PDB file of all heavy atoms in Angstrom:
ATOM      1  N   PHE A   1      -0.842  30.506 -29.751  1.00  0.00           N
ATOM      2  CA  PHE A   1      -2.114  30.983 -29.038  1.00  0.00           C
ATOM      3  C   PHE A   1      -2.741  29.653 -28.345  1.00  0.00           C
ATOM      4  O   PHE A   1      -3.152  29.673 -27.189  1.00  0.00           O
ATOM      5  CB  PHE A   1      -3.113  31.675 -29.815  1.00  0.00           C
ATOM      6  CG  PHE A   1      -4.386  31.896 -29.094  1.00  0.00           C
ATOM      7  CD1 PHE A   1      -4.519  32.906 -28.171  1.00  0.00           C
ATOM      8  CD2 PHE A   1      -5.493  31.022 -29.275  1.00  0.00           C
ATOM      9  CE1 PHE A   1      -5.627  33.205 -27.417  1.00  0.00           C
ATOM     10  CE2 PHE A   1      -6.705  31.168 -28.533  1.00  0.00           C
ATOM     11  CZ  PHE A   1      -6.702  32.231 -27.648  1.00  0.00           C
ATOM     12  N   LEU A   2      -2.820  28.571 -29.131  1.00  0.00           N
ATOM     13  CA  LEU A   2      -3.472  27.442 -28.620  1.00  0.00           C
ATOM     14  C   LEU A   2      -2.664  26.798 -27.426  1.00  0.00           C
ATOM     15  O   LEU A   2      -3.333  26.289 -26.576  1.00  0.00           O
ATOM     16  CB  LEU A   2      -3.651  26.313 -29.755  1.00  0.00           C
ATOM     17  CG  LEU A   2      -4.615  26.645 -30.837  1.00  0.00           C
ATOM     18  CD1 LEU A   2      -4.481  25.633 -32.065  1.00  0.00           C
ATOM     19  CD2 LEU A   2      -6.046  26.900 -30.303  1.00  0.00           C
ATOM     20  N   GLU A   3      -1.286  26.834 -27.519  1.00  0.00           N
ATOM     21  CA  GLU A   3      -0.506  26.432 -26.453  1.00  0.00           C
ATOM     22  C   GLU A   3      -0.780  27.245 -25.145  1.00  0.00           C
ATOM     23  O   GLU A   3      -0.918  26.681 -23.986  1.00  0.00           O
ATOM     24  CB  GLU A   3       0.972  26.505 -26.691  1.00  0.00           C
ATOM     25  CG  GLU A   3       1.497  25.427 -27.677  1.00  0.00           C
ATOM     26  CD  GLU A   3       2.913  25.658 -28.142  1.00  0.00           C
ATOM     27  OE1 GLU A   3       3.705  26.168 -27.302  1.00  0.00           O
ATOM     28  OE2 GLU A   3       3.227  25.226 -29.331  1.00  0.00           O
ATOM     29  N   LEU A   4      -0.897  28.598 -25.361  1.00  0.00           N
ATOM     30  CA  LEU A   4      -1.124  29.445 -24.296  1.00  0.00           C
ATOM     31  C   LEU A   4      -2.589  29.151 -23.665  1.00  0.00           C
ATOM     32  O   LEU A   4      -2.760  28.970 -22.387  1.00  0.00           O
ATOM     33  CB  LEU A   4      -1.079  30.812 -24.700  1.00  0.00           C
ATOM     34  CG  LEU A   4      -1.537  31.965 -23.673  1.00  0.00           C
ATOM     35  CD1 LEU A   4      -0.601  32.008 -22.492  1.00  0.00           C
ATOM     36  CD2 LEU A   4      -1.613  33.322 -24.335  1.00  0.00           C
ATOM     37  N   GLU A   5      -3.497  28.966 -24.508  1.00  0.00           N
ATOM     38  CA  GLU A   5      -5.001  28.677 -24.103  1.00  0.00           C
ATOM     39  C   GLU A   5      -4.958  27.351 -23.358  1.00  0.00           C
ATOM     40  O   GLU A   5      -5.559  27.250 -22.254  1.00  0.00           O
ATOM     41  CB  GLU A   5      -5.821  28.595 -25.341  1.00  0.00           C
ATOM     42  CG  GLU A   5      -7.225  28.328 -24.981  1.00  0.00           C
ATOM     43  CD  GLU A   5      -8.131  28.334 -26.219  1.00  0.00           C
ATOM     44  OE1 GLU A   5      -7.781  27.679 -27.207  1.00  0.00           O
ATOM     45  OE2 GLU A   5      -9.198  28.872 -26.129  1.00  0.00           O
ATOM     46  N   ASN A   6      -4.233  26.302 -23.826  1.00  0.00           N
ATOM     47  CA  ASN A   6      -4.196  25.024 -23.153  1.00  0.00           C
ATOM     48  C   ASN A   6      -3.665  25.132 -21.791  1.00  0.00           C
ATOM     49  O   ASN A   6      -4.199  24.618 -20.815  1.00  0.00           O
ATOM     50  CB  ASN A   6      -3.391  24.127 -24.034  1.00  0.00           C
ATOM     51  CG  ASN A   6      -3.430  22.591 -23.517  1.00  0.00           C
ATOM     52  OD1 ASN A   6      -4.530  22.144 -23.057  1.00  0.00           O
ATOM     53  ND2 ASN A   6      -2.286  21.944 -23.567  1.00  0.00           N
ATOM     54  N   LYS A   7      -2.551  25.834 -21.606  1.00  0.00           N
ATOM     55  CA  LYS A   7      -1.846  26.022 -20.364  1.00  0.00           C
ATOM     56  C   LYS A   7      -2.787  26.763 -19.288  1.00  0.00           C
ATOM     57  O   LYS A   7      -2.897  26.308 -18.261  1.00  0.00           O
ATOM     58  CB  LYS A   7      -0.515  26.798 -20.546  1.00  0.00           C
ATOM     59  CG  LYS A   7       0.249  27.038 -19.369  1.00  0.00           C
ATOM     60  CD  LYS A   7       1.537  27.814 -19.697  1.00  0.00           C
ATOM     61  CE  LYS A   7       2.227  28.245 -18.426  1.00  0.00           C
ATOM     62  NZ  LYS A   7       3.215  29.228 -18.667  1.00  0.00           N
ATOM     63  N   VAL A   8      -3.378  27.756 -19.748  1.00  0.00           N
ATOM     64  CA  VAL A   8      -4.227  28.624 -18.815  1.00  0.00           C
ATOM     65  C   VAL A   8      -5.446  27.708 -18.442  1.00  0.00           C
ATOM     66  O   VAL A   8      -5.729  27.698 -17.225  1.00  0.00           O
ATOM     67  CB  VAL A   8      -4.689  29.993 -19.601  1.00  0.00           C
ATOM     68  CG1 VAL A   8      -5.789  30.634 -18.687  1.00  0.00           C
ATOM     69  CG2 VAL A   8      -3.547  30.886 -19.716  1.00  0.00           C
ATOM     70  N   ASN A   9      -6.072  27.106 -19.407  1.00  0.00           N
ATOM     71  CA  ASN A   9      -7.229  26.349 -19.162  1.00  0.00           C
ATOM     72  C   ASN A   9      -6.930  25.045 -18.260  1.00  0.00           C
ATOM     73  O   ASN A   9      -7.748  24.639 -17.399  1.00  0.00           O
ATOM     74  CB  ASN A   9      -7.948  25.891 -20.303  1.00  0.00           C
ATOM     75  CG  ASN A   9      -8.610  27.027 -20.996  1.00  0.00           C
ATOM     76  OD1 ASN A   9      -8.797  28.073 -20.525  1.00  0.00           O
ATOM     77  ND2 ASN A   9      -9.043  26.846 -22.188  1.00  0.00           N
ATOM     78  N   ALA A  10      -5.763  24.454 -18.469  1.00  0.00           N
ATOM     79  CA  ALA A  10      -5.362  23.306 -17.726  1.00  0.00           C
ATOM     80  C   ALA A  10      -5.105  23.614 -16.108  1.00  0.00           C
ATOM     81  O   ALA A  10      -4.984  22.733 -15.370  1.00  0.00           O
ATOM     82  CB  ALA A  10      -4.130  22.626 -18.358  1.00  0.00           C
ATOM     83  N   GLN A  11      -4.888  24.971 -15.934  1.00  0.00           N
ATOM     84  CA  GLN A  11      -4.556  25.336 -14.452  1.00  0.00           C
ATOM     85  C   GLN A  11      -5.786  25.930 -13.857  1.00  0.00           C
ATOM     86  O   GLN A  11      -5.526  26.425 -12.642  1.00  0.00           O
ATOM     87  CB  GLN A  11      -3.446  26.300 -14.602  1.00  0.00           C
ATOM     88  CG  GLN A  11      -2.140  25.724 -15.132  1.00  0.00           C
ATOM     89  CD  GLN A  11      -1.066  26.787 -15.266  1.00  0.00           C
ATOM     90  OE1 GLN A  11      -1.284  27.999 -15.244  1.00  0.00           O
ATOM     91  NE2 GLN A  11       0.179  26.335 -15.541  1.00  0.00           N
ATOM     92  N   ILE A  12      -6.966  25.852 -14.317  1.00  0.00           N
ATOM     93  CA  ILE A  12      -8.143  26.432 -13.778  1.00  0.00           C
ATOM     94  C   ILE A  12      -8.491  25.644 -12.468  1.00  0.00           C
ATOM     95  O   ILE A  12      -8.542  24.512 -12.505  1.00  0.00           O
ATOM     96  CB  ILE A  12      -9.425  26.429 -14.723  1.00  0.00           C
ATOM     97  CG1 ILE A  12      -9.133  27.439 -15.822  1.00  0.00           C
ATOM     98  CG2 ILE A  12     -10.690  26.770 -13.938  1.00  0.00           C
ATOM     99  CD1 ILE A  12     -10.208  27.404 -16.970  1.00  0.00           C
ATOM    100  N   THR A  13      -8.485  26.432 -11.339  1.00  0.00           N
ATOM    101  CA  THR A  13      -9.053  25.819 -10.224  1.00  0.00           C
ATOM    102  C   THR A  13     -10.447  26.569  -9.904  1.00  0.00           C
ATOM    103  O   THR A  13     -10.443  27.840  -9.917  1.00  0.00           O
ATOM    104  CB  THR A  13      -8.045  26.056  -9.050  1.00  0.00           C
ATOM    105  OG1 THR A  13      -7.791  27.456  -8.861  1.00  0.00           O
ATOM    106  CG2 THR A  13      -6.900  25.304  -9.134  1.00  0.00           C
ATOM    107  N   ALA A  14     -11.498  25.955  -9.609  1.00  0.00           N
ATOM    108  CA  ALA A  14     -12.738  26.416  -9.491  1.00  0.00           C
ATOM    109  C   ALA A  14     -13.636  25.582  -8.559  1.00  0.00           C
ATOM    110  O   ALA A  14     -13.434  24.381  -8.506  1.00  0.00           O
ATOM    111  CB  ALA A  14     -13.379  26.587 -10.819  1.00  0.00           C
ATOM    112  N   SER A  15     -14.555  26.235  -8.013  1.00  0.00           N
ATOM    113  CA  SER A  15     -15.570  25.534  -7.192  1.00  0.00           C
ATOM    114  C   SER A  15     -16.886  26.330  -7.368  1.00  0.00           C
ATOM    115  O   SER A  15     -16.897  27.542  -7.209  1.00  0.00           O
ATOM    116  CB  SER A  15     -15.171  25.523  -5.655  1.00  0.00           C
ATOM    117  OG  SER A  15     -16.138  25.023  -4.938  1.00  0.00           O
ATOM    118  N   ARG A  16     -17.982  25.625  -7.534  1.00  0.00           N
ATOM    119  CA  ARG A  16     -19.260  26.167  -7.794  1.00  0.00           C
ATOM    120  C   ARG A  16     -19.170  27.301  -8.866  1.00  0.00           C
ATOM    121  O   ARG A  16     -19.527  28.419  -8.493  1.00  0.00           O
ATOM    122  CB  ARG A  16     -19.839  26.666  -6.430  1.00  0.00           C
ATOM    123  CG  ARG A  16     -20.136  25.542  -5.459  1.00  0.00           C
ATOM    124  CD  ARG A  16     -20.697  25.994  -4.191  1.00  0.00           C
ATOM    125  NE  ARG A  16     -21.787  27.037  -4.298  1.00  0.00           N
ATOM    126  CZ  ARG A  16     -23.051  26.729  -4.347  1.00  0.00           C
ATOM    127  NH1 ARG A  16     -23.426  25.505  -4.511  1.00  0.00           N
ATOM    128  NH2 ARG A  16     -24.049  27.604  -4.546  1.00  0.00           N
ATOM    129  N   THR A  17     -18.669  26.998  -9.990  1.00  0.00           N
ATOM    130  CA  THR A  17     -18.423  27.988 -11.080  1.00  0.00           C
ATOM    131  C   THR A  17     -18.866  27.383 -12.395  1.00  0.00           C
ATOM    132  O   THR A  17     -18.840  26.214 -12.680  1.00  0.00           O
ATOM    133  CB  THR A  17     -16.806  28.169 -11.133  1.00  0.00           C
ATOM    134  OG1 THR A  17     -16.420  28.614  -9.948  1.00  0.00           O
ATOM    135  CG2 THR A  17     -16.536  29.249 -12.247  1.00  0.00           C
ATOM    136  N   VAL A  18     -19.495  28.344 -13.181  1.00  0.00           N
ATOM    137  CA  VAL A  18     -19.817  28.083 -14.562  1.00  0.00           C
ATOM    138  C   VAL A  18     -18.690  28.626 -15.448  1.00  0.00           C
ATOM    139  O   VAL A  18     -18.349  29.783 -15.330  1.00  0.00           O
ATOM    140  CB  VAL A  18     -21.168  28.748 -14.918  1.00  0.00           C
ATOM    141  CG1 VAL A  18     -21.526  28.489 -16.367  1.00  0.00           C
ATOM    142  CG2 VAL A  18     -22.354  28.143 -14.107  1.00  0.00           C
ATOM    143  N   ILE A  19     -18.083  27.755 -16.224  1.00  0.00           N
ATOM    144  CA  ILE A  19     -16.977  28.153 -17.049  1.00  0.00           C
ATOM    145  C   ILE A  19     -17.279  28.101 -18.484  1.00  0.00           C
ATOM    146  O   ILE A  19     -17.820  27.155 -19.099  1.00  0.00           O
ATOM    147  CB  ILE A  19     -15.782  27.129 -16.777  1.00  0.00           C
ATOM    148  CG1 ILE A  19     -15.366  27.043 -15.390  1.00  0.00           C
ATOM    149  CG2 ILE A  19     -14.530  27.537 -17.655  1.00  0.00           C
ATOM    150  CD1 ILE A  19     -14.621  25.778 -14.952  1.00  0.00           C
ATOM    151  N   ALA A  20     -17.062  29.379 -19.251  1.00  0.00           N
ATOM    152  CA  ALA A  20     -17.308  29.368 -20.557  1.00  0.00           C
ATOM    153  C   ALA A  20     -15.873  29.370 -21.278  1.00  0.00           C
ATOM    154  O   ALA A  20     -15.132  30.308 -20.981  1.00  0.00           O
ATOM    155  CB  ALA A  20     -18.103  30.695 -21.029  1.00  0.00           C
ATOM    156  N   THR A  21     -15.659  28.416 -22.072  1.00  0.00           N
ATOM    157  CA  THR A  21     -14.291  28.356 -22.769  1.00  0.00           C
ATOM    158  C   THR A  21     -14.334  29.136 -24.116  1.00  0.00           C
ATOM    159  O   THR A  21     -15.467  29.310 -24.667  1.00  0.00           O
ATOM    160  CB  THR A  21     -13.925  26.920 -23.084  1.00  0.00           C
ATOM    161  OG1 THR A  21     -14.958  26.283 -23.955  1.00  0.00           O
ATOM    162  CG2 THR A  21     -13.814  26.084 -21.740  1.00  0.00           C
ATOM    163  N   GLY A  22     -13.273  29.338 -24.698  1.00  0.00           N
ATOM    164  CA  GLY A  22     -13.202  29.866 -26.064  1.00  0.00           C
ATOM    165  C   GLY A  22     -13.422  28.666 -26.986  1.00  0.00           C
ATOM    166  O   GLY A  22     -13.278  27.479 -26.600  1.00  0.00           O
ATOM    167  N   GLY A  23     -13.839  28.951 -28.067  1.00  0.00           N
ATOM    168  CA  GLY A  23     -14.226  27.880 -29.163  1.00  0.00           C
ATOM    169  C   GLY A  23     -13.136  26.906 -29.459  1.00  0.00           C
ATOM    170  O   GLY A  23     -13.313  25.776 -29.763  1.00  0.00           O
ATOM    171  N   SER A  24     -11.845  27.406 -29.369  1.00  0.00           N
ATOM    172  CA  SER A  24     -10.688  26.590 -29.639  1.00  0.00           C
ATOM    173  C   SER A  24     -10.162  25.827 -28.536  1.00  0.00           C
ATOM    174  O   SER A  24      -9.197  24.951 -28.666  1.00  0.00           O
ATOM    175  CB  SER A  24      -9.579  27.458 -30.185  1.00  0.00           C
ATOM    176  OG  SER A  24      -9.264  28.514 -29.293  1.00  0.00           O
ATOM    177  N   ALA A  25     -10.790  25.898 -27.325  1.00  0.00           N
ATOM    178  CA  ALA A  25     -10.272  25.219 -26.105  1.00  0.00           C
ATOM    179  C   ALA A  25     -10.140  23.668 -26.402  1.00  0.00           C
ATOM    180  O   ALA A  25      -9.249  23.100 -25.678  1.00  0.00           O
ATOM    181  CB  ALA A  25     -11.242  25.451 -24.921  1.00  0.00           C
ATOM    182  N   VAL A  26     -11.020  23.150 -27.239  1.00  0.00           N
ATOM    183  CA  VAL A  26     -10.982  21.754 -27.416  1.00  0.00           C
ATOM    184  C   VAL A  26      -9.793  21.164 -28.121  1.00  0.00           C
ATOM    185  O   VAL A  26      -9.588  19.976 -28.187  1.00  0.00           O
ATOM    186  CB  VAL A  26     -12.208  21.215 -28.200  1.00  0.00           C
ATOM    187  CG1 VAL A  26     -13.494  21.371 -27.312  1.00  0.00           C
ATOM    188  CG2 VAL A  26     -12.386  21.958 -29.547  1.00  0.00           C
ATOM    189  N   TYR A  27      -8.895  22.067 -28.617  1.00  0.00           N
ATOM    190  CA  TYR A  27      -7.657  21.625 -29.252  1.00  0.00           C
ATOM    191  C   TYR A  27      -6.535  21.331 -28.114  1.00  0.00           C
ATOM    192  O   TYR A  27      -5.563  20.704 -28.403  1.00  0.00           O
ATOM    193  CB  TYR A  27      -7.033  22.677 -30.152  1.00  0.00           C
ATOM    194  CG  TYR A  27      -7.877  22.946 -31.418  1.00  0.00           C
ATOM    195  CD1 TYR A  27      -8.279  24.224 -31.711  1.00  0.00           C
ATOM    196  CD2 TYR A  27      -8.093  21.886 -32.286  1.00  0.00           C
ATOM    197  CE1 TYR A  27      -8.979  24.535 -32.823  1.00  0.00           C
ATOM    198  CE2 TYR A  27      -8.778  22.178 -33.417  1.00  0.00           C
ATOM    199  CZ  TYR A  27      -9.236  23.501 -33.739  1.00  0.00           C
ATOM    200  OH  TYR A  27      -9.939  23.689 -34.911  1.00  0.00           O
ATOM    201  N   GLY A  28      -6.966  21.700 -26.909  1.00  0.00           N
ATOM    202  CA  GLY A  28      -5.996  21.590 -25.732  1.00  0.00           C
ATOM    203  C   GLY A  28      -6.329  20.229 -25.028  1.00  0.00           C
ATOM    204  O   GLY A  28      -7.218  20.346 -24.169  1.00  0.00           O
ATOM    205  N   LYS A  29      -5.689  19.210 -25.290  1.00  0.00           N
ATOM    206  CA  LYS A  29      -5.931  17.849 -24.661  1.00  0.00           C
ATOM    207  C   LYS A  29      -5.909  17.915 -23.146  1.00  0.00           C
ATOM    208  O   LYS A  29      -6.727  17.535 -22.412  1.00  0.00           O
ATOM    209  CB  LYS A  29      -4.997  16.783 -25.208  1.00  0.00           C
ATOM    210  CG  LYS A  29      -5.236  15.414 -24.732  1.00  0.00           C
ATOM    211  CD  LYS A  29      -4.326  14.473 -25.410  1.00  0.00           C
ATOM    212  CE  LYS A  29      -4.718  13.017 -25.211  1.00  0.00           C
ATOM    213  NZ  LYS A  29      -4.333  12.570 -23.913  1.00  0.00           N
ATOM    214  N   GLU A  30      -4.695  18.519 -22.635  1.00  0.00           N
ATOM    215  CA  GLU A  30      -4.519  18.609 -21.089  1.00  0.00           C
ATOM    216  C   GLU A  30      -5.642  19.425 -20.623  1.00  0.00           C
ATOM    217  O   GLU A  30      -6.242  19.057 -19.517  1.00  0.00           O
ATOM    218  CB  GLU A  30      -3.201  19.203 -20.745  1.00  0.00           C
ATOM    219  CG  GLU A  30      -2.071  18.292 -21.164  1.00  0.00           C
ATOM    220  CD  GLU A  30      -1.630  18.520 -22.692  1.00  0.00           C
ATOM    221  OE1 GLU A  30      -2.246  19.410 -23.439  1.00  0.00           O
ATOM    222  OE2 GLU A  30      -0.837  17.765 -23.242  1.00  0.00           O
ATOM    223  N   ALA A  31      -5.993  20.449 -21.187  1.00  0.00           N
ATOM    224  CA  ALA A  31      -6.963  21.382 -20.612  1.00  0.00           C
ATOM    225  C   ALA A  31      -8.391  20.699 -20.582  1.00  0.00           C
ATOM    226  O   ALA A  31      -9.135  20.755 -19.638  1.00  0.00           O
ATOM    227  CB  ALA A  31      -7.130  22.679 -21.407  1.00  0.00           C
ATOM    228  N   MET A  32      -8.729  20.037 -21.736  1.00  0.00           N
ATOM    229  CA  MET A  32     -10.017  19.434 -21.693  1.00  0.00           C
ATOM    230  C   MET A  32     -10.129  18.187 -20.783  1.00  0.00           C
ATOM    231  O   MET A  32     -11.181  17.966 -20.162  1.00  0.00           O
ATOM    232  CB  MET A  32     -10.394  18.968 -23.178  1.00  0.00           C
ATOM    233  CG  MET A  32     -10.605  20.147 -24.153  1.00  0.00           C
ATOM    234  SD  MET A  32     -11.822  21.331 -23.560  1.00  0.00           S
ATOM    235  CE  MET A  32     -13.259  20.353 -23.185  1.00  0.00           C
ATOM    236  N   GLU A  33      -9.092  17.504 -20.622  1.00  0.00           N
ATOM    237  CA  GLU A  33      -9.080  16.379 -19.641  1.00  0.00           C
ATOM    238  C   GLU A  33      -9.266  16.866 -18.273  1.00  0.00           C
ATOM    239  O   GLU A  33     -10.005  16.392 -17.454  1.00  0.00           O
ATOM    240  CB  GLU A  33      -7.869  15.439 -19.799  1.00  0.00           C
ATOM    241  CG  GLU A  33      -7.867  14.599 -20.992  1.00  0.00           C
ATOM    242  CD  GLU A  33      -6.538  13.906 -21.229  1.00  0.00           C
ATOM    243  OE1 GLU A  33      -5.649  14.072 -20.543  1.00  0.00           O
ATOM    244  OE2 GLU A  33      -6.580  13.174 -22.304  1.00  0.00           O
ATOM    245  N   HIS A  34      -8.565  18.043 -18.020  1.00  0.00           N
ATOM    246  CA  HIS A  34      -8.630  18.762 -16.612  1.00  0.00           C
ATOM    247  C   HIS A  34     -10.182  19.166 -16.438  1.00  0.00           C
ATOM    248  O   HIS A  34     -10.726  18.956 -15.407  1.00  0.00           O
ATOM    249  CB  HIS A  34      -7.737  19.933 -16.581  1.00  0.00           C
ATOM    250  CG  HIS A  34      -7.896  20.713 -15.354  1.00  0.00           C
ATOM    251  ND1 HIS A  34      -7.665  20.306 -14.143  1.00  0.00           N
ATOM    252  CD2 HIS A  34      -8.345  22.095 -15.264  1.00  0.00           C
ATOM    253  CE1 HIS A  34      -7.892  21.272 -13.269  1.00  0.00           C
ATOM    254  NE2 HIS A  34      -8.305  22.318 -13.953  1.00  0.00           N
ATOM    255  N   LEU A  35     -10.651  19.841 -17.472  1.00  0.00           N
ATOM    256  CA  LEU A  35     -12.122  20.434 -17.314  1.00  0.00           C
ATOM    257  C   LEU A  35     -13.088  19.301 -17.138  1.00  0.00           C
ATOM    258  O   LEU A  35     -14.072  19.446 -16.374  1.00  0.00           O
ATOM    259  CB  LEU A  35     -12.424  21.314 -18.559  1.00  0.00           C
ATOM    260  CG  LEU A  35     -11.662  22.634 -18.507  1.00  0.00           C
ATOM    261  CD1 LEU A  35     -11.875  23.337 -19.912  1.00  0.00           C
ATOM    262  CD2 LEU A  35     -12.028  23.528 -17.459  1.00  0.00           C
ATOM    263  N   ARG A  36     -12.801  18.187 -17.797  1.00  0.00           N
ATOM    264  CA  ARG A  36     -13.676  17.008 -17.722  1.00  0.00           C
ATOM    265  C   ARG A  36     -13.615  16.495 -16.209  1.00  0.00           C
ATOM    266  O   ARG A  36     -14.657  15.951 -15.744  1.00  0.00           O
ATOM    267  CB  ARG A  36     -13.426  15.926 -18.662  1.00  0.00           C
ATOM    268  CG  ARG A  36     -14.041  16.181 -20.041  1.00  0.00           C
ATOM    269  CD  ARG A  36     -13.728  15.102 -20.977  1.00  0.00           C
ATOM    270  NE  ARG A  36     -14.199  13.746 -20.541  1.00  0.00           N
ATOM    271  CZ  ARG A  36     -15.509  13.226 -20.721  1.00  0.00           C
ATOM    272  NH1 ARG A  36     -16.326  14.084 -21.537  1.00  0.00           N
ATOM    273  NH2 ARG A  36     -15.828  12.226 -20.389  1.00  0.00           N
ATOM    274  N   GLU A  37     -12.476  16.536 -15.668  1.00  0.00           N
ATOM    275  CA  GLU A  37     -12.342  16.063 -14.192  1.00  0.00           C
ATOM    276  C   GLU A  37     -13.026  17.010 -13.225  1.00  0.00           C
ATOM    277  O   GLU A  37     -13.621  16.487 -12.250  1.00  0.00           O
ATOM    278  CB  GLU A  37     -10.868  15.992 -13.805  1.00  0.00           C
ATOM    279  CG  GLU A  37     -10.243  14.671 -14.370  1.00  0.00           C
ATOM    280  CD  GLU A  37      -8.770  14.660 -14.150  1.00  0.00           C
ATOM    281  OE1 GLU A  37      -8.161  15.349 -13.146  1.00  0.00           O
ATOM    282  OE2 GLU A  37      -7.971  14.037 -14.865  1.00  0.00           O
ATOM    283  N   ILE A  38     -12.911  18.340 -13.409  1.00  0.00           N
ATOM    284  CA  ILE A  38     -13.449  19.171 -12.408  1.00  0.00           C
ATOM    285  C   ILE A  38     -14.803  19.731 -12.680  1.00  0.00           C
ATOM    286  O   ILE A  38     -15.290  20.506 -11.885  1.00  0.00           O
ATOM    287  CB  ILE A  38     -12.465  20.399 -12.169  1.00  0.00           C
ATOM    288  CG1 ILE A  38     -12.473  21.308 -13.477  1.00  0.00           C
ATOM    289  CG2 ILE A  38     -11.083  19.950 -11.840  1.00  0.00           C
ATOM    290  CD1 ILE A  38     -11.937  22.712 -13.258  1.00  0.00           C
ATOM    291  N   SER A  39     -15.484  19.271 -13.818  1.00  0.00           N
ATOM    292  CA  SER A  39     -16.837  19.871 -14.171  1.00  0.00           C
ATOM    293  C   SER A  39     -17.535  18.956 -15.023  1.00  0.00           C
ATOM    294  O   SER A  39     -17.058  17.956 -15.580  1.00  0.00           O
ATOM    295  CB  SER A  39     -16.575  21.201 -14.868  1.00  0.00           C
ATOM    296  OG  SER A  39     -15.958  21.032 -16.145  1.00  0.00           O
TER     297      SER A  39
END
């Protein structure tokens, strides 16, 4: 599940968006680095 969550979150493209992650999103290094870049 964490691999799936990381993959989905790392591919988020957004503009003028408020994003609420699942509590376990922080286990996904790629996703969190991506989210820190775009938000």
